[in-house]
Amino acid sequence: MNKAKPFLFWIISGVVILVELVLLLCISPSGKSGQSPQEVKTELDKQSDRLDGLHDKAMGPKGQATITAQVFNAEDPADIKKLTTQWLPTKQWKKPLEEHVALYNQQLPAIKEYLSKRSVFLHQPIASASDRSDWYAEYERRTAQLLQGLNDQNGLVLPTAAVTSKDGTEAPPATDFATATAIRHNAGFYTKGNSFPDPSEYPEMTMKYHIVEMIAAALLDSKATNKETPIAPLKVQQEERAALSSVEWKNLTDKSVTLGVTLNGPLSALLAAEAALEQVHDSTKPIIVITGGTLSRKNFVAGDRAASAEPMIAKLSLAVLDFEGGAAPEAAKIAEPILPAGSRTPAPVAPAPVAPAVPGPGAKSGAAPVAPIPGVPAEAVAPAADPRAIAPAAPPSRTGGSKQ
């Protein structure tokens, strides 16, 4: 026994190692969840394969643009199916996205109907088209009345160049607003000359007349009152408004009419006119959008400046939205001019619709509250689709530049 004591430690260690080897061979280790090493490895391999699949989806189908450059049209079922099957990295997005697109599709017809009703004004006939002479006589009378109304309220810039007659004498340009070619041309109106316009031109001439009618009404609605300053003492307080100098028709498409407008007047009146042009205060009239503009001083010779404020020139680029597609409804009545002899009071401003962003995974389904659209039922209004994932296609062009 005494001889074995020095080796007792090694004997015990050997026995322990032998027991561990026997246990290792007989009993398989397991993780916290009770899985064997092989089962854990198999599960990790599956997770790795799923991660590779998600990476492939994030990169997009082979040969196609990545998600940052891909555009999906919410109005195209094929695009939505492609989005939900090929581009969504997780199925959690599918249900809220499909619900959102369904609400968008319910809202779209209501918005189209609302904008179409606003566009009816552009196509209201101004006269019966049964006789060319009668039609143009009414068109001539209405356009002349509009120009006369602007001129009476100092809202029209008349040409200053004198007219030289055959005998060599000079005379001021004619102010007969029905026949004065220069004045009517500056306002964007048609002048008959030696022949009547073709009936095929009536819809375009009608639309242009109504657009100038809206511009004239906005100019008469907006005016500024000059105030006394230490630099420019005020002798007589007077109201001034922006005056229409020229209208240049640029393009007509399926959804808009673009034109350029030049206004003259003091800075305050020009700013007031610009704000009045873009106000959406009447739900029965088309929407006007100002897409660009410049402001510059007006050059004048000594003695030419008669107003109390410094004259300026504003050039605005306008887009008038048209959702009627250029065809007036058959039941439309003959339009009455909206331009009165004096100024008009605008209607209350209507609130614009506000749309929230697309809900993310885990968000509660259902439409979020949206501000009302005039003339559109509240239940028909849904949030707009996220522009980063869904964007409507651009409308095709209808015609090129228009005739003056």
Protein backbone atom coordinates (compact mmCIF):
# COMPACT_ATOMS: atom_id res chain seq x y z
CA MET A 1 0.00 0.00 0.00
CA ASN A 2 2.81 2.30 0.85
CA LYS A 3 4.35 1.62 -2.54
CA ALA A 4 1.08 2.64 -4.32
CA LYS A 5 0.69 5.96 -2.50
CA PRO A 6 3.08 7.91 -4.76
CA PHE A 7 1.03 6.80 -7.78
CA LEU A 8 -2.41 7.32 -6.22
CA PHE A 9 -3.00 10.65 -8.00
CA TRP A 10 -2.33 9.18 -11.40
CA ILE A 11 -4.47 6.16 -10.71
CA ILE A 12 -7.44 8.33 -9.72
CA SER A 13 -6.93 10.59 -12.75
CA GLY A 14 -6.85 7.59 -15.06
CA VAL A 15 -10.06 6.22 -13.60
CA VAL A 16 -11.79 9.59 -14.04
CA ILE A 17 -10.63 9.87 -17.64
CA LEU A 18 -11.78 6.34 -18.32
CA VAL A 19 -15.24 7.13 -16.87
CA GLU A 20 -15.47 10.29 -18.98
CA LEU A 21 -14.59 8.35 -22.13
CA VAL A 22 -17.25 5.77 -21.36
CA LEU A 23 -19.84 8.51 -20.72
CA LEU A 24 -18.82 10.35 -23.90
CA LEU A 25 -19.28 7.22 -25.96
CA CYS A 26 -22.57 6.28 -24.36
CA ILE A 27 -24.23 9.66 -23.77
CA SER A 28 -24.56 12.33 -26.53
CA PRO A 29 -24.30 15.98 -25.34
CA SER A 30 -27.21 18.40 -26.03
CA GLY A 31 -27.74 22.19 -26.02
CA LYS A 32 -30.03 24.26 -23.83
CA SER A 33 -32.98 23.34 -26.02
CA GLY A 34 -32.15 19.65 -25.88
CA GLN A 35 -30.74 19.52 -29.44
CA SER A 36 -27.80 17.37 -30.37
CA PRO A 37 -24.73 18.90 -32.03
CA GLN A 38 -25.85 17.51 -35.39
CA GLU A 39 -29.32 19.04 -34.97
CA VAL A 40 -27.82 22.40 -34.05
CA LYS A 41 -25.58 22.28 -37.14
CA THR A 42 -28.55 21.41 -39.39
CA GLU A 43 -30.58 24.35 -38.02
CA LEU A 44 -27.68 26.75 -38.52
CA ASP A 45 -27.29 25.54 -42.11
CA LYS A 46 -31.00 26.26 -42.75
CA GLN A 47 -30.68 29.75 -41.29
CA SER A 48 -27.65 30.37 -43.49
CA ASP A 49 -29.61 29.28 -46.57
CA ARG A 50 -32.49 31.63 -45.63
CA LEU A 51 -30.01 34.47 -45.16
CA ASP A 52 -28.58 33.82 -48.62
CA GLY A 53 -32.13 33.90 -50.04
CA LEU A 54 -32.90 37.23 -48.37
CA HIS A 55 -29.63 38.63 -49.71
CA ASP A 56 -30.56 37.55 -53.23
CA LYS A 57 -33.98 39.23 -52.90
CA ALA A 58 -32.41 42.41 -51.60
CA MET A 59 -30.09 42.49 -54.62
CA GLY A 60 -33.06 41.93 -56.96
CA PRO A 61 -33.60 39.46 -59.78
CA LYS A 62 -30.57 38.85 -61.96
CA GLY A 63 -30.26 41.33 -64.79
CA GLN A 64 -32.74 43.79 -63.26
CA ALA A 65 -32.28 47.09 -61.49
CA THR A 66 -31.79 47.17 -57.74
CA ILE A 67 -34.64 48.31 -55.49
CA THR A 68 -33.26 51.86 -55.35
CA ALA A 69 -33.85 52.24 -59.10
CA GLN A 70 -37.03 50.18 -59.46
CA VAL A 71 -40.42 51.94 -59.79
CA PHE A 72 -43.71 50.14 -59.16
CA ASN A 73 -47.03 51.44 -60.44
CA ALA A 74 -49.77 51.10 -57.83
CA GLU A 75 -52.38 51.09 -60.62
CA ASP A 76 -50.83 48.05 -62.34
CA PRO A 77 -51.72 44.69 -60.68
CA ALA A 78 -48.76 43.02 -62.42
CA ASP A 79 -46.37 45.52 -60.84
CA ILE A 80 -47.84 44.96 -57.38
CA LYS A 81 -47.63 41.18 -57.76
CA LYS A 82 -44.01 41.50 -58.85
CA LEU A 83 -43.28 43.73 -55.85
CA THR A 84 -44.84 41.36 -53.31
CA THR A 85 -43.32 38.18 -54.75
CA GLN A 86 -39.82 39.25 -55.79
CA TRP A 87 -38.86 42.31 -53.79
CA LEU A 88 -40.24 41.95 -50.25
CA PRO A 89 -37.52 40.55 -47.95
CA THR A 90 -40.13 39.54 -45.38
CA LYS A 91 -43.77 38.44 -45.65
CA GLN A 92 -44.67 40.83 -42.83
CA TRP A 93 -44.76 43.63 -45.40
CA LYS A 94 -47.16 41.90 -47.77
CA LYS A 95 -50.42 42.21 -45.85
CA PRO A 96 -50.15 45.93 -44.87
CA LEU A 97 -48.89 46.78 -48.34
CA GLU A 98 -51.78 44.98 -50.06
CA GLU A 99 -54.27 46.68 -47.72
CA HIS A 100 -52.70 50.05 -48.48
CA VAL A 101 -52.86 49.47 -52.25
CA ALA A 102 -56.52 48.42 -51.93
CA LEU A 103 -57.31 51.69 -50.12
CA TYR A 104 -55.38 53.60 -52.77
CA ASN A 105 -57.43 51.96 -55.51
CA GLN A 106 -60.62 53.00 -53.69
CA GLN A 107 -59.42 56.58 -53.33
CA LEU A 108 -58.20 57.01 -56.91
CA PRO A 109 -61.63 57.05 -58.65
CA ALA A 110 -62.94 59.58 -56.10
CA ILE A 111 -59.99 61.92 -56.71
CA LYS A 112 -60.32 61.54 -60.49
CA GLU A 113 -64.03 62.37 -60.31
CA TYR A 114 -63.33 65.40 -58.12
CA LEU A 115 -60.62 66.76 -60.45
CA SER A 116 -62.76 66.06 -63.52
CA LYS A 117 -65.61 68.12 -62.06
CA ARG A 118 -63.18 70.97 -61.46
CA SER A 119 -62.03 70.76 -65.09
CA VAL A 120 -65.53 71.03 -66.58
CA PHE A 121 -65.21 74.83 -66.40
CA LEU A 122 -62.45 74.82 -69.03
CA HIS A 123 -64.71 73.15 -71.60
CA GLN A 124 -68.00 74.93 -70.99
CA PRO A 125 -69.13 76.21 -74.43
CA ILE A 126 -69.32 79.97 -74.72
CA ALA A 127 -71.74 79.91 -77.66
CA SER A 128 -73.69 77.57 -79.90
CA ALA A 129 -71.54 76.02 -82.64
CA SER A 130 -74.41 75.74 -85.14
CA ASP A 131 -73.32 78.82 -87.09
CA ARG A 132 -69.71 79.97 -87.51
CA SER A 133 -70.63 83.64 -87.71
CA ASP A 134 -72.83 83.50 -84.60
CA TRP A 135 -70.23 81.52 -82.67
CA TYR A 136 -67.43 83.95 -83.40
CA ALA A 137 -69.65 86.97 -82.73
CA GLU A 138 -70.32 85.66 -79.21
CA TYR A 139 -66.66 84.74 -78.71
CA GLU A 140 -65.61 88.20 -79.88
CA ARG A 141 -68.14 89.88 -77.58
CA ARG A 142 -67.06 87.90 -74.51
CA THR A 143 -63.34 88.38 -75.05
CA ALA A 144 -63.84 92.10 -75.72
CA GLN A 145 -65.93 92.40 -72.54
CA LEU A 146 -63.20 90.69 -70.53
CA LEU A 147 -60.49 93.01 -71.89
CA GLN A 148 -62.69 96.06 -71.33
CA GLY A 149 -63.32 95.01 -67.73
CA LEU A 150 -59.59 94.67 -67.11
CA ASN A 151 -58.83 97.99 -68.76
CA ASP A 152 -61.49 99.82 -66.72
CA GLN A 153 -59.84 98.56 -63.49
CA ASN A 154 -56.27 99.40 -64.64
CA GLY A 155 -55.58 95.71 -65.03
CA LEU A 156 -54.45 95.72 -68.67
CA VAL A 157 -51.28 97.02 -70.35
CA LEU A 158 -52.11 98.53 -73.75
CA PRO A 159 -49.54 98.71 -76.57
CA THR A 160 -47.80 102.08 -76.62
CA ALA A 161 -46.56 102.07 -80.21
CA ALA A 162 -48.39 104.48 -82.47
CA VAL A 163 -49.99 103.31 -85.69
CA THR A 164 -48.92 104.99 -88.96
CA SER A 165 -51.72 105.44 -91.50
CA LYS A 166 -51.40 105.47 -95.30
CA ASP A 167 -51.16 109.26 -95.40
CA GLY A 168 -48.17 109.20 -93.02
CA THR A 169 -49.95 110.45 -89.91
CA GLU A 170 -49.50 108.68 -86.59
CA ALA A 171 -52.32 107.80 -84.25
CA PRO A 172 -52.58 105.87 -80.97
CA PRO A 173 -53.35 102.16 -81.38
CA ALA A 174 -57.01 101.25 -81.56
CA THR A 175 -58.68 100.36 -78.27
CA ASP A 176 -61.60 98.51 -79.81
CA PHE A 177 -61.10 95.30 -77.83
CA ALA A 178 -63.18 93.31 -80.32
CA THR A 179 -60.95 94.03 -83.31
CA ALA A 180 -57.63 95.47 -82.04
CA THR A 181 -55.24 92.74 -83.15
CA ALA A 182 -52.25 93.82 -81.04
CA ILE A 183 -54.23 93.98 -77.80
CA ARG A 184 -56.01 90.67 -78.40
CA HIS A 185 -52.75 88.99 -79.41
CA ASN A 186 -51.09 90.12 -76.17
CA ALA A 187 -54.01 88.68 -74.18
CA GLY A 188 -53.78 85.34 -76.02
CA PHE A 189 -57.10 85.71 -77.88
CA TYR A 190 -57.95 84.83 -81.47
CA THR A 191 -58.61 87.64 -83.96
CA LYS A 192 -60.73 86.83 -87.00
CA GLY A 193 -59.14 88.97 -89.69
CA ASN A 194 -60.49 87.99 -93.11
CA SER A 195 -61.87 84.55 -92.21
CA PHE A 196 -63.68 82.83 -89.37
CA PRO A 197 -61.90 80.16 -87.32
CA ASP A 198 -62.55 76.54 -88.22
CA PRO A 199 -65.04 74.73 -85.93
CA SER A 200 -62.26 72.27 -85.05
CA GLU A 201 -60.52 75.17 -83.27
CA TYR A 202 -63.51 75.99 -81.05
CA PRO A 203 -62.57 73.66 -78.14
CA GLU A 204 -59.04 75.06 -77.89
CA MET A 205 -60.23 78.66 -78.22
CA THR A 206 -62.88 78.03 -75.56
CA MET A 207 -60.31 76.56 -73.17
CA LYS A 208 -57.93 79.49 -73.67
CA TYR A 209 -60.71 82.00 -73.11
CA HIS A 210 -61.67 80.40 -69.80
CA ILE A 211 -58.03 80.33 -68.65
CA VAL A 212 -57.57 84.04 -69.36
CA GLU A 213 -60.92 84.59 -67.66
CA MET A 214 -59.58 82.96 -64.47
CA ILE A 215 -56.36 85.00 -64.65
CA ALA A 216 -58.32 88.24 -65.11
CA ALA A 217 -60.56 87.42 -62.14
CA ALA A 218 -57.48 86.77 -59.97
CA LEU A 219 -55.95 90.11 -60.99
CA LEU A 220 -59.14 92.00 -60.09
CA ASP A 221 -59.37 90.14 -56.77
CA SER A 222 -55.83 91.11 -55.73
CA LYS A 223 -54.79 94.71 -55.13
CA ALA A 224 -52.34 96.55 -52.94
CA THR A 225 -52.58 99.89 -51.11
CA ASN A 226 -49.48 102.07 -51.01
CA LYS A 227 -48.36 103.26 -47.56
CA GLU A 228 -46.28 106.24 -46.47
CA THR A 229 -42.59 105.68 -45.69
CA PRO A 230 -39.88 108.06 -44.42
CA ILE A 231 -38.21 107.91 -47.83
CA ALA A 232 -41.33 108.32 -49.98
CA PRO A 233 -43.94 110.54 -48.29
CA LEU A 234 -47.46 109.63 -49.38
CA LYS A 235 -49.53 112.42 -50.87
CA VAL A 236 -52.50 110.42 -52.08
CA GLN A 237 -53.29 106.88 -50.87
CA GLN A 238 -54.48 104.72 -53.73
CA GLU A 239 -55.04 101.07 -54.59
CA GLU A 240 -52.98 99.51 -57.35
CA ARG A 241 -53.18 96.10 -58.95
CA ALA A 242 -51.03 94.06 -61.30
CA ALA A 243 -51.79 94.63 -64.98
CA LEU A 244 -51.82 91.91 -67.63
CA SER A 245 -49.17 92.60 -70.25
CA SER A 246 -49.05 89.39 -72.31
CA VAL A 247 -50.14 85.75 -72.46
CA GLU A 248 -48.03 83.18 -74.30
CA TRP A 249 -49.52 79.72 -74.91
CA LYS A 250 -46.88 77.00 -74.67
CA ASN A 251 -48.28 73.48 -74.64
CA LEU A 252 -51.47 71.45 -74.24
CA THR A 253 -51.32 67.90 -72.86
CA ASP A 254 -53.87 65.39 -71.60
CA LYS A 255 -53.62 66.71 -68.06
CA SER A 256 -52.51 70.34 -68.25
CA VAL A 257 -52.20 73.54 -70.24
CA THR A 258 -48.93 75.47 -69.81
CA LEU A 259 -48.57 79.15 -70.55
CA GLY A 260 -46.46 82.19 -69.71
CA VAL A 261 -47.99 85.35 -68.23
CA THR A 262 -46.31 88.77 -67.98
CA LEU A 263 -47.62 91.24 -65.39
CA ASN A 264 -46.70 94.88 -64.75
CA GLY A 265 -47.16 96.85 -61.55
CA PRO A 266 -45.70 97.65 -58.12
CA LEU A 267 -44.01 94.82 -56.27
CA SER A 268 -46.74 94.45 -53.64
CA ALA A 269 -49.45 94.15 -56.30
CA LEU A 270 -47.42 91.60 -58.28
CA LEU A 271 -46.91 89.44 -55.20
CA ALA A 272 -50.61 89.69 -54.35
CA ALA A 273 -51.53 88.65 -57.91
CA GLU A 274 -49.12 85.68 -57.79
CA ALA A 275 -50.67 84.48 -54.54
CA ALA A 276 -54.21 84.92 -55.92
CA LEU A 277 -53.39 82.90 -59.05
CA GLU A 278 -52.30 79.87 -57.05
CA GLN A 279 -55.05 79.91 -54.41
CA VAL A 280 -57.34 76.87 -54.51
CA HIS A 281 -60.34 78.66 -53.04
CA ASP A 282 -63.02 77.66 -55.53
CA SER A 283 -63.71 73.93 -55.90
CA THR A 284 -65.62 74.54 -59.17
CA LYS A 285 -62.58 75.95 -61.04
CA PRO A 286 -59.46 74.14 -62.29
CA ILE A 287 -56.26 74.20 -60.26
CA ILE A 288 -53.54 76.65 -61.35
CA VAL A 289 -49.93 75.89 -60.42
CA ILE A 290 -47.08 78.40 -60.75
CA THR A 291 -44.09 76.43 -62.01
CA GLY A 292 -41.59 79.30 -62.29
CA GLY A 293 -41.20 83.05 -62.43
CA THR A 294 -38.87 86.05 -62.62
CA LEU A 295 -39.09 89.61 -61.31
CA SER A 296 -37.31 92.65 -62.74
CA ARG A 297 -37.50 96.44 -62.75
CA LYS A 298 -39.39 98.16 -65.53
CA ASN A 299 -37.44 100.64 -67.60
CA PHE A 300 -39.15 103.98 -68.30
CA VAL A 301 -38.19 107.36 -69.68
CA ALA A 302 -38.42 110.66 -67.80
CA GLY A 303 -42.02 111.63 -67.19
CA ASP A 304 -43.32 108.15 -68.00
CA ARG A 305 -43.62 107.02 -64.40
CA ALA A 306 -47.02 108.11 -63.11
CA ALA A 307 -47.66 105.62 -60.32
CA SER A 308 -46.63 106.14 -56.71
CA ALA A 309 -44.63 102.89 -56.49
CA GLU A 310 -41.71 101.66 -58.55
CA PRO A 311 -42.99 99.70 -61.57
CA MET A 312 -41.84 96.08 -61.86
CA ILE A 313 -42.29 93.22 -64.35
CA ALA A 314 -43.21 89.68 -63.27
CA LYS A 315 -43.05 86.76 -65.70
CA LEU A 316 -44.82 83.66 -64.44
CA SER A 317 -45.01 80.15 -65.87
CA LEU A 318 -48.42 78.61 -65.18
CA ALA A 319 -49.81 75.10 -65.48
CA VAL A 320 -53.60 74.76 -65.52
CA LEU A 321 -54.60 71.19 -64.63
CA ASP A 322 -57.18 69.65 -66.95
CA PHE A 323 -58.65 66.22 -66.17
CA GLU A 324 -61.52 66.34 -68.68
CA GLY A 325 -59.28 65.29 -71.56
CA GLY A 326 -60.34 68.16 -73.82
CA ALA A 327 -63.95 67.02 -74.30
CA ALA A 328 -66.85 69.01 -72.88
CA PRO A 329 -69.82 67.05 -71.51
CA GLU A 330 -72.86 67.04 -73.79
CA ALA A 331 -75.11 68.42 -71.07
CA ALA A 332 -72.87 71.43 -70.36
CA LYS A 333 -74.63 74.75 -70.40
CA ILE A 334 -73.49 77.89 -72.18
CA ALA A 335 -71.02 79.45 -69.74
CA GLU A 336 -71.62 82.85 -68.22
CA PRO A 337 -68.57 85.11 -67.83
CA ILE A 338 -67.13 85.21 -64.32
CA LEU A 339 -65.48 88.62 -64.82
CA PRO A 340 -67.58 91.40 -63.26
CA ALA A 341 -67.21 95.15 -63.72
CA GLY A 342 -65.50 95.53 -60.33
CA SER A 343 -63.47 93.43 -57.93
CA ARG A 344 -64.69 90.11 -56.53
CA THR A 345 -64.49 88.44 -53.13
CA PRO A 346 -62.83 85.01 -53.16
CA ALA A 347 -64.54 82.05 -51.54
CA PRO A 348 -63.11 80.43 -48.39
CA VAL A 349 -59.94 78.41 -48.84
CA ALA A 350 -60.59 74.66 -48.98
CA PRO A 351 -58.23 72.37 -47.01
CA ALA A 352 -55.88 70.23 -49.04
CA PRO A 353 -55.73 66.45 -48.49
CA VAL A 354 -52.84 65.13 -46.41
CA ALA A 355 -51.66 61.52 -46.83
CA PRO A 356 -49.53 59.58 -44.30
CA ALA A 357 -46.67 57.24 -45.19
CA VAL A 358 -47.06 53.52 -45.89
CA PRO A 359 -47.42 51.48 -42.64
CA GLY A 360 -44.46 49.25 -41.75
CA PRO A 361 -44.41 45.67 -40.54
CA GLY A 362 -46.46 45.16 -37.39
CA ALA A 363 -48.49 48.35 -37.93
CA LYS A 364 -52.22 48.19 -37.38
CA SER A 365 -54.24 47.88 -40.56
CA GLY A 366 -56.89 50.37 -41.62
CA ALA A 367 -56.83 53.87 -43.07
CA ALA A 368 -55.35 56.72 -41.09
CA PRO A 369 -57.39 59.94 -40.81
CA VAL A 370 -57.03 62.15 -43.88
CA ALA A 371 -58.08 65.77 -44.39
CA PRO A 372 -61.28 66.03 -46.48
CA ILE A 373 -61.25 66.86 -50.18
CA PRO A 374 -64.06 69.20 -51.31
CA GLY A 375 -66.65 67.23 -53.24
CA VAL A 376 -65.07 63.85 -52.41
CA PRO A 377 -66.73 61.57 -49.80
CA ALA A 378 -64.55 61.14 -46.72
CA GLU A 379 -64.91 57.36 -46.75
CA ALA A 380 -63.52 57.24 -50.29
CA VAL A 381 -60.25 58.94 -49.32
CA ALA A 382 -57.32 56.73 -48.37
CA PRO A 383 -53.63 57.43 -47.72
CA ALA A 384 -51.47 57.81 -50.81
CA ALA A 385 -48.94 55.12 -51.63
CA ASP A 386 -45.31 55.51 -50.64
CA PRO A 387 -43.56 57.21 -53.61
CA ARG A 388 -40.33 55.37 -52.81
CA ALA A 389 -41.95 52.05 -53.75
CA ILE A 390 -44.96 52.97 -55.87
CA ALA A 391 -45.30 55.75 -58.44
CA PRO A 392 -48.08 56.32 -61.06
CA ALA A 393 -47.03 56.36 -64.68
CA ALA A 394 -46.62 59.69 -66.52
CA PRO A 395 -49.55 60.66 -68.81
CA PRO A 396 -49.00 60.68 -72.59
CA SER A 397 -48.82 63.97 -74.51
CA ARG A 398 -51.89 65.10 -76.40
CA THR A 399 -50.71 67.82 -78.81
CA GLY A 400 -47.77 70.08 -79.41
CA GLY A 401 -47.66 73.86 -79.18
CA SER A 402 -50.89 75.72 -79.65
CA LYS A 403 -51.89 78.35 -82.14
CA GLN A 404 -51.98 81.94 -81.03
